[in-house]
Amino acid sequence: MYIALCLAWIVTPEGTDQLVQGQYYADTCALARNCCYLYYYDSRSRQIEKHMPGRAAGLATYEKLAIINQNGIVGLRIFE
């Protein structure tokens, strides 16, 4: 059985100043959306969504390789 360790959150220096020890932070809270990089993965450990502070989500769709990549700035890009 293969278990991949995937990066989930990166907190910016501005975000670390706002953290409170022992507090739980959901990925939908203002701190997470404005001060953190958030990464989501599918069951095969492939990155499917990426949130950057203050930006729209970046999405990826896979078949065998990454074929569709979209972010809030550029829009939709297709790779073959």
PDB file of N, CA and C in Angstrom:
ATOM      1  N   MET A   1       0.836  -1.177   0.000  1.00  0.00           N
ATOM      2  CA  MET A   1       0.000   0.000   0.000  1.00  0.00           C
ATOM      3  C   MET A   1       0.880   1.238   0.000  1.00  0.00           C
ATOM      4  N   TYR A   2       0.540   2.193  -0.855  1.00  0.00           N
ATOM      5  CA  TYR A   2       1.297   3.429  -0.997  1.00  0.00           C
ATOM      6  C   TYR A   2       0.522   4.571  -0.360  1.00  0.00           C
ATOM      7  N   ILE A   3       1.156   5.287   0.529  1.00  0.00           N
ATOM      8  CA  ILE A   3       0.532   6.453   1.161  1.00  0.00           C
ATOM      9  C   ILE A   3       1.424   7.662   0.879  1.00  0.00           C
ATOM     10  N   ALA A   4       0.873   8.619   0.186  1.00  0.00           N
ATOM     11  CA  ALA A   4       1.629   9.823  -0.151  1.00  0.00           C
ATOM     12  C   ALA A   4       1.349  10.911   0.880  1.00  0.00           C
ATOM     13  N   LEU A   5       2.376  11.640   1.228  1.00  0.00           N
ATOM     14  CA  LEU A   5       2.213  12.788   2.111  1.00  0.00           C
ATOM     15  C   LEU A   5       2.113  14.018   1.232  1.00  0.00           C
ATOM     16  N   CYS A   6       1.017  14.720   1.313  1.00  0.00           N
ATOM     17  CA  CYS A   6       0.765  15.862   0.448  1.00  0.00           C
ATOM     18  C   CYS A   6       0.677  17.137   1.265  1.00  0.00           C
ATOM     19  N   LEU A   7       1.312  18.169   0.749  1.00  0.00           N
ATOM     20  CA  LEU A   7       1.269  19.474   1.387  1.00  0.00           C
ATOM     21  C   LEU A   7      -0.150  20.014   1.339  1.00  0.00           C
ATOM     22  N   ALA A   8      -0.672  20.491   2.435  1.00  0.00           N
ATOM     23  CA  ALA A   8      -2.054  20.955   2.480  1.00  0.00           C
ATOM     24  C   ALA A   8      -2.164  22.470   2.694  1.00  0.00           C
ATOM     25  N   TRP A   9      -1.388  23.034   3.607  1.00  0.00           N
ATOM     26  CA  TRP A   9      -1.469  24.459   3.920  1.00  0.00           C
ATOM     27  C   TRP A   9      -0.064  25.052   4.014  1.00  0.00           C
ATOM     28  N   ILE A  10       0.076  26.284   3.537  1.00  0.00           N
ATOM     29  CA  ILE A  10       1.265  27.097   3.813  1.00  0.00           C
ATOM     30  C   ILE A  10       0.733  28.425   4.342  1.00  0.00           C
ATOM     31  N   VAL A  11       1.165  28.798   5.514  1.00  0.00           N
ATOM     32  CA  VAL A  11       0.706  30.043   6.140  1.00  0.00           C
ATOM     33  C   VAL A  11       1.745  31.126   5.871  1.00  0.00           C
ATOM     34  N   THR A  12       1.293  32.265   5.365  1.00  0.00           N
ATOM     35  CA  THR A  12       2.189  33.387   5.089  1.00  0.00           C
ATOM     36  C   THR A  12       2.627  34.041   6.414  1.00  0.00           C
ATOM     37  N   PRO A  13       3.689  34.831   6.389  1.00  0.00           N
ATOM     38  CA  PRO A  13       4.107  35.518   7.618  1.00  0.00           C
ATOM     39  C   PRO A  13       3.000  36.392   8.221  1.00  0.00           C
ATOM     40  N   GLU A  14       2.193  37.032   7.370  1.00  0.00           N
ATOM     41  CA  GLU A  14       1.075  37.830   7.881  1.00  0.00           C
ATOM     42  C   GLU A  14       0.061  36.935   8.602  1.00  0.00           C
ATOM     43  N   GLY A  15      -0.126  35.728   8.101  1.00  0.00           N
ATOM     44  CA  GLY A  15      -1.064  34.791   8.708  1.00  0.00           C
ATOM     45  C   GLY A  15      -0.576  34.254  10.036  1.00  0.00           C
ATOM     46  N   THR A  16       0.730  34.055  10.183  1.00  0.00           N
ATOM     47  CA  THR A  16       1.250  33.528  11.444  1.00  0.00           C
ATOM     48  C   THR A  16       1.019  34.513  12.588  1.00  0.00           C
ATOM     49  N   ASP A  17       1.008  35.799  12.266  1.00  0.00           N
ATOM     50  CA  ASP A  17       0.730  36.808  13.298  1.00  0.00           C
ATOM     51  C   ASP A  17      -0.707  36.723  13.811  1.00  0.00           C
ATOM     52  N   GLN A  18      -1.609  36.162  13.011  1.00  0.00           N
ATOM     53  CA  GLN A  18      -3.027  36.089  13.376  1.00  0.00           C
ATOM     54  C   GLN A  18      -3.419  34.744  13.999  1.00  0.00           C
ATOM     55  N   LEU A  19      -2.531  33.766  13.964  1.00  0.00           N
ATOM     56  CA  LEU A  19      -2.851  32.444  14.513  1.00  0.00           C
ATOM     57  C   LEU A  19      -2.943  32.481  16.039  1.00  0.00           C
ATOM     58  N   VAL A  20      -3.856  31.694  16.572  1.00  0.00           N
ATOM     59  CA  VAL A  20      -4.023  31.561  18.013  1.00  0.00           C
ATOM     60  C   VAL A  20      -3.807  30.099  18.357  1.00  0.00           C
ATOM     61  N   GLN A  21      -2.904  29.822  19.307  1.00  0.00           N
ATOM     62  CA  GLN A  21      -2.583  28.446  19.683  1.00  0.00           C
ATOM     63  C   GLN A  21      -3.824  27.723  20.199  1.00  0.00           C
ATOM     64  N   GLY A  22      -4.018  26.499  19.708  1.00  0.00           N
ATOM     65  CA  GLY A  22      -5.128  25.675  20.140  1.00  0.00           C
ATOM     66  C   GLY A  22      -6.433  25.928  19.403  1.00  0.00           C
ATOM     67  N   GLN A  23      -6.444  26.905  18.509  1.00  0.00           N
ATOM     68  CA  GLN A  23      -7.658  27.217  17.744  1.00  0.00           C
ATOM     69  C   GLN A  23      -7.688  26.376  16.469  1.00  0.00           C
ATOM     70  N   TYR A  24      -8.892  25.942  16.069  1.00  0.00           N
ATOM     71  CA  TYR A  24      -9.099  25.196  14.838  1.00  0.00           C
ATOM     72  C   TYR A  24      -9.462  26.174  13.726  1.00  0.00           C
ATOM     73  N   TYR A  25      -8.849  26.008  12.553  1.00  0.00           N
ATOM     74  CA  TYR A  25      -9.128  26.872  11.409  1.00  0.00           C
ATOM     75  C   TYR A  25      -9.646  26.032  10.251  1.00  0.00           C
ATOM     76  N   ALA A  26     -10.849  26.338   9.800  1.00  0.00           N
ATOM     77  CA  ALA A  26     -11.421  25.654   8.637  1.00  0.00           C
ATOM     78  C   ALA A  26     -10.839  26.274   7.366  1.00  0.00           C
ATOM     79  N   ASP A  27     -10.854  25.503   6.284  1.00  0.00           N
ATOM     80  CA  ASP A  27     -10.307  26.025   5.036  1.00  0.00           C
ATOM     81  C   ASP A  27     -11.184  27.091   4.397  1.00  0.00           C
ATOM     82  N   THR A  28     -12.344  27.357   4.964  1.00  0.00           N
ATOM     83  CA  THR A  28     -13.230  28.400   4.454  1.00  0.00           C
ATOM     84  C   THR A  28     -13.160  29.693   5.251  1.00  0.00           C
ATOM     85  N   CYS A  29     -12.388  29.728   6.320  1.00  0.00           N
ATOM     86  CA  CYS A  29     -12.329  30.937   7.150  1.00  0.00           C
ATOM     87  C   CYS A  29     -11.525  32.037   6.446  1.00  0.00           C
ATOM     88  N   ALA A  30     -11.703  33.263   6.899  1.00  0.00           N
ATOM     89  CA  ALA A  30     -11.038  34.419   6.289  1.00  0.00           C
ATOM     90  C   ALA A  30      -9.516  34.297   6.372  1.00  0.00           C
ATOM     91  N   LEU A  31      -8.995  33.787   7.476  1.00  0.00           N
ATOM     92  CA  LEU A  31      -7.545  33.624   7.621  1.00  0.00           C
ATOM     93  C   LEU A  31      -7.006  32.684   6.551  1.00  0.00           C
ATOM     94  N   ALA A  32      -7.678  31.564   6.337  1.00  0.00           N
ATOM     95  CA  ALA A  32      -7.221  30.591   5.339  1.00  0.00           C
ATOM     96  C   ALA A  32      -7.289  31.172   3.935  1.00  0.00           C
ATOM     97  N   ARG A  33      -8.345  31.863   3.614  1.00  0.00           N
ATOM     98  CA  ARG A  33      -8.516  32.401   2.260  1.00  0.00           C
ATOM     99  C   ARG A  33      -7.616  33.600   1.972  1.00  0.00           C
ATOM    100  N   ASN A  34      -7.273  34.389   2.986  1.00  0.00           N
ATOM    101  CA  ASN A  34      -6.501  35.607   2.755  1.00  0.00           C
ATOM    102  C   ASN A  34      -5.024  35.508   3.120  1.00  0.00           C
ATOM    103  N   CYS A  35      -4.640  34.504   3.905  1.00  0.00           N
ATOM    104  CA  CYS A  35      -3.255  34.437   4.389  1.00  0.00           C
ATOM    105  C   CYS A  35      -2.602  33.061   4.220  1.00  0.00           C
ATOM    106  N   CYS A  36      -3.235  32.165   3.467  1.00  0.00           N
ATOM    107  CA  CYS A  36      -2.687  30.810   3.334  1.00  0.00           C
ATOM    108  C   CYS A  36      -2.755  30.326   1.895  1.00  0.00           C
ATOM    109  N   TYR A  37      -1.811  29.480   1.540  1.00  0.00           N
ATOM    110  CA  TYR A  37      -1.865  28.719   0.303  1.00  0.00           C
ATOM    111  C   TYR A  37      -2.477  27.373   0.669  1.00  0.00           C
ATOM    112  N   LEU A  38      -3.562  26.987  -0.001  1.00  0.00           N
ATOM    113  CA  LEU A  38      -4.260  25.738   0.307  1.00  0.00           C
ATOM    114  C   LEU A  38      -4.185  24.811  -0.902  1.00  0.00           C
ATOM    115  N   TYR A  39      -3.898  23.540  -0.660  1.00  0.00           N
ATOM    116  CA  TYR A  39      -3.789  22.549  -1.725  1.00  0.00           C
ATOM    117  C   TYR A  39      -4.707  21.373  -1.432  1.00  0.00           C
ATOM    118  N   TYR A  40      -5.430  20.906  -2.453  1.00  0.00           N
ATOM    119  CA  TYR A  40      -6.333  19.766  -2.327  1.00  0.00           C
ATOM    120  C   TYR A  40      -5.919  18.705  -3.343  1.00  0.00           C
ATOM    121  N   TYR A  41      -6.072  17.436  -2.965  1.00  0.00           N
ATOM    122  CA  TYR A  41      -5.607  16.323  -3.785  1.00  0.00           C
ATOM    123  C   TYR A  41      -6.715  15.300  -3.982  1.00  0.00           C
ATOM    124  N   ASP A  42      -6.631  14.540  -5.078  1.00  0.00           N
ATOM    125  CA  ASP A  42      -7.579  13.452  -5.294  1.00  0.00           C
ATOM    126  C   ASP A  42      -7.062  12.183  -4.615  1.00  0.00           C
ATOM    127  N   SER A  43      -7.767  11.078  -4.796  1.00  0.00           N
ATOM    128  CA  SER A  43      -7.397   9.825  -4.127  1.00  0.00           C
ATOM    129  C   SER A  43      -6.088   9.247  -4.630  1.00  0.00           C
ATOM    130  N   ARG A  44      -5.578   9.762  -5.748  1.00  0.00           N
ATOM    131  CA  ARG A  44      -4.304   9.293  -6.298  1.00  0.00           C
ATOM    132  C   ARG A  44      -3.170  10.273  -6.020  1.00  0.00           C
ATOM    133  N   SER A  45      -3.388  11.177  -5.080  1.00  0.00           N
ATOM    134  CA  SER A  45      -2.395  12.170  -4.628  1.00  0.00           C
ATOM    135  C   SER A  45      -2.004  13.162  -5.716  1.00  0.00           C
ATOM    136  N   ARG A  46      -2.914  13.435  -6.638  1.00  0.00           N
ATOM    137  CA  ARG A  46      -2.667  14.443  -7.668  1.00  0.00           C
ATOM    138  C   ARG A  46      -3.368  15.722  -7.244  1.00  0.00           C
ATOM    139  N   GLN A  47      -2.650  16.836  -7.375  1.00  0.00           N
ATOM    140  CA  GLN A  47      -3.221  18.116  -6.974  1.00  0.00           C
ATOM    141  C   GLN A  47      -4.395  18.470  -7.891  1.00  0.00           C
ATOM    142  N   ILE A  48      -5.562  18.723  -7.303  1.00  0.00           N
ATOM    143  CA  ILE A  48      -6.736  19.055  -8.104  1.00  0.00           C
ATOM    144  C   ILE A  48      -7.208  20.486  -7.888  1.00  0.00           C
ATOM    145  N   GLU A  49      -6.775  21.104  -6.805  1.00  0.00           N
ATOM    146  CA  GLU A  49      -7.200  22.466  -6.523  1.00  0.00           C
ATOM    147  C   GLU A  49      -6.131  23.179  -5.715  1.00  0.00           C
ATOM    148  N   LYS A  50      -5.925  24.458  -6.049  1.00  0.00           N
ATOM    149  CA  LYS A  50      -4.933  25.263  -5.335  1.00  0.00           C
ATOM    150  C   LYS A  50      -5.519  26.645  -5.105  1.00  0.00           C
ATOM    151  N   HIS A  51      -5.485  27.102  -3.857  1.00  0.00           N
ATOM    152  CA  HIS A  51      -5.938  28.444  -3.510  1.00  0.00           C
ATOM    153  C   HIS A  51      -4.730  29.258  -3.078  1.00  0.00           C
ATOM    154  N   MET A  52      -4.585  30.444  -3.664  1.00  0.00           N
ATOM    155  CA  MET A  52      -3.531  31.362  -3.279  1.00  0.00           C
ATOM    156  C   MET A  52      -4.186  32.548  -2.581  1.00  0.00           C
ATOM    157  N   PRO A  53      -3.497  33.187  -1.645  1.00  0.00           N
ATOM    158  CA  PRO A  53      -4.110  34.286  -0.879  1.00  0.00           C
ATOM    159  C   PRO A  53      -4.713  35.371  -1.774  1.00  0.00           C
ATOM    160  N   GLY A  54      -5.989  35.650  -1.539  1.00  0.00           N
ATOM    161  CA  GLY A  54      -6.656  36.722  -2.255  1.00  0.00           C
ATOM    162  C   GLY A  54      -6.966  36.457  -3.714  1.00  0.00           C
ATOM    163  N   ARG A  55      -6.852  35.223  -4.194  1.00  0.00           N
ATOM    164  CA  ARG A  55      -7.105  34.903  -5.595  1.00  0.00           C
ATOM    165  C   ARG A  55      -8.180  33.836  -5.722  1.00  0.00           C
ATOM    166  N   ALA A  56      -8.701  33.704  -6.927  1.00  0.00           N
ATOM    167  CA  ALA A  56      -9.655  32.627  -7.210  1.00  0.00           C
ATOM    168  C   ALA A  56      -8.914  31.294  -7.238  1.00  0.00           C
ATOM    169  N   ALA A  57      -9.641  30.224  -7.040  1.00  0.00           N
ATOM    170  CA  ALA A  57      -9.033  28.888  -6.990  1.00  0.00           C
ATOM    171  C   ALA A  57      -8.496  28.471  -8.351  1.00  0.00           C
ATOM    172  N   GLY A  58      -7.387  27.715  -8.317  1.00  0.00           N
ATOM    173  CA  GLY A  58      -6.856  27.081  -9.513  1.00  0.00           C
ATOM    174  C   GLY A  58      -7.296  25.628  -9.511  1.00  0.00           C
ATOM    175  N   LEU A  59      -7.781  25.144 -10.634  1.00  0.00           N
ATOM    176  CA  LEU A  59      -8.306  23.781 -10.728  1.00  0.00           C
ATOM    177  C   LEU A  59      -7.529  22.982 -11.768  1.00  0.00           C
ATOM    178  N   ALA A  60      -7.440  21.673 -11.589  1.00  0.00           N
ATOM    179  CA  ALA A  60      -6.804  20.786 -12.560  1.00  0.00           C
ATOM    180  C   ALA A  60      -7.659  19.539 -12.718  1.00  0.00           C
ATOM    181  N   THR A  61      -7.757  19.040 -13.953  1.00  0.00           N
ATOM    182  CA  THR A  61      -8.482  17.813 -14.251  1.00  0.00           C
ATOM    183  C   THR A  61      -7.522  16.845 -14.913  1.00  0.00           C
ATOM    184  N   TYR A  62      -7.600  15.574 -14.556  1.00  0.00           N
ATOM    185  CA  TYR A  62      -6.660  14.576 -15.038  1.00  0.00           C
ATOM    186  C   TYR A  62      -7.371  13.434 -15.752  1.00  0.00           C
ATOM    187  N   GLU A  63      -6.670  12.859 -16.712  1.00  0.00           N
ATOM    188  CA  GLU A  63      -6.982  11.517 -17.188  1.00  0.00           C
ATOM    189  C   GLU A  63      -5.744  10.715 -16.837  1.00  0.00           C
ATOM    190  N   LYS A  64      -4.812  10.526 -17.763  1.00  0.00           N
ATOM    191  CA  LYS A  64      -3.545   9.889 -17.401  1.00  0.00           C
ATOM    192  C   LYS A  64      -2.520  10.943 -16.980  1.00  0.00           C
ATOM    193  N   LEU A  65      -2.581  12.094 -17.600  1.00  0.00           N
ATOM    194  CA  LEU A  65      -1.723  13.229 -17.263  1.00  0.00           C
ATOM    195  C   LEU A  65      -2.618  14.434 -17.012  1.00  0.00           C
ATOM    196  N   ALA A  66      -2.045  15.501 -16.506  1.00  0.00           N
ATOM    197  CA  ALA A  66      -2.829  16.726 -16.327  1.00  0.00           C
ATOM    198  C   ALA A  66      -3.196  17.257 -17.704  1.00  0.00           C
ATOM    199  N   ILE A  67      -4.471  17.378 -17.989  1.00  0.00           N
ATOM    200  CA  ILE A  67      -4.870  17.838 -19.310  1.00  0.00           C
ATOM    201  C   ILE A  67      -5.599  19.174 -19.281  1.00  0.00           C
ATOM    202  N   ILE A  68      -6.231  19.504 -18.193  1.00  0.00           N
ATOM    203  CA  ILE A  68      -6.921  20.786 -18.097  1.00  0.00           C
ATOM    204  C   ILE A  68      -6.472  21.487 -16.822  1.00  0.00           C
ATOM    205  N   ASN A  69      -6.046  22.717 -16.979  1.00  0.00           N
ATOM    206  CA  ASN A  69      -5.574  23.500 -15.844  1.00  0.00           C
ATOM    207  C   ASN A  69      -6.240  24.863 -15.933  1.00  0.00           C
ATOM    208  N   GLN A  70      -6.838  25.332 -14.855  1.00  0.00           N
ATOM    209  CA  GLN A  70      -7.558  26.603 -14.861  1.00  0.00           C
ATOM    210  C   GLN A  70      -7.239  27.370 -13.596  1.00  0.00           C
ATOM    211  N   ASN A  71      -7.015  28.673 -13.744  1.00  0.00           N
ATOM    212  CA  ASN A  71      -6.885  29.512 -12.561  1.00  0.00           C
ATOM    213  C   ASN A  71      -7.738  30.754 -12.736  1.00  0.00           C
ATOM    214  N   GLY A  72      -7.882  31.517 -11.696  1.00  0.00           N
ATOM    215  CA  GLY A  72      -8.770  32.664 -11.720  1.00  0.00           C
ATOM    216  C   GLY A  72      -8.292  33.809 -12.581  1.00  0.00           C
ATOM    217  N   ILE A  73      -7.013  33.860 -12.905  1.00  0.00           N
ATOM    218  CA  ILE A  73      -6.475  34.962 -13.691  1.00  0.00           C
ATOM    219  C   ILE A  73      -6.450  34.618 -15.178  1.00  0.00           C
ATOM    220  N   VAL A  74      -5.837  33.507 -15.514  1.00  0.00           N
ATOM    221  CA  VAL A  74      -5.637  33.138 -16.914  1.00  0.00           C
ATOM    222  C   VAL A  74      -6.883  32.516 -17.521  1.00  0.00           C
ATOM    223  N   GLY A  75      -7.642  31.762 -16.730  1.00  0.00           N
ATOM    224  CA  GLY A  75      -8.801  31.049 -17.266  1.00  0.00           C
ATOM    225  C   GLY A  75      -8.437  29.628 -17.592  1.00  0.00           C
ATOM    226  N   LEU A  76      -8.966  29.098 -18.669  1.00  0.00           N
ATOM    227  CA  LEU A  76      -8.821  27.698 -19.012  1.00  0.00           C
ATOM    228  C   LEU A  76      -7.677  27.489 -19.987  1.00  0.00           C
ATOM    229  N   ARG A  77      -6.789  26.530 -19.676  1.00  0.00           N
ATOM    230  CA  ARG A  77      -5.707  26.128 -20.575  1.00  0.00           C
ATOM    231  C   ARG A  77      -5.785  24.622 -20.733  1.00  0.00           C
ATOM    232  N   ILE A  78      -5.676  24.128 -21.939  1.00  0.00           N
ATOM    233  CA  ILE A  78      -5.723  22.692 -22.200  1.00  0.00           C
ATOM    234  C   ILE A  78      -4.365  22.220 -22.678  1.00  0.00           C
ATOM    235  N   PHE A  79      -3.853  21.140 -22.069  1.00  0.00           N
ATOM    236  CA  PHE A  79      -2.572  20.565 -22.419  1.00  0.00           C
ATOM    237  C   PHE A  79      -2.792  19.186 -23.021  1.00  0.00           C
ATOM    238  N   GLU A  80      -2.056  18.874 -24.062  1.00  0.00           N
ATOM    239  CA  GLU A  80      -2.150  17.521 -24.652  1.00  0.00           C
ATOM    240  C   GLU A  80      -0.772  16.915 -24.730  1.00  0.00           C
TER     241      GLU A  80
END
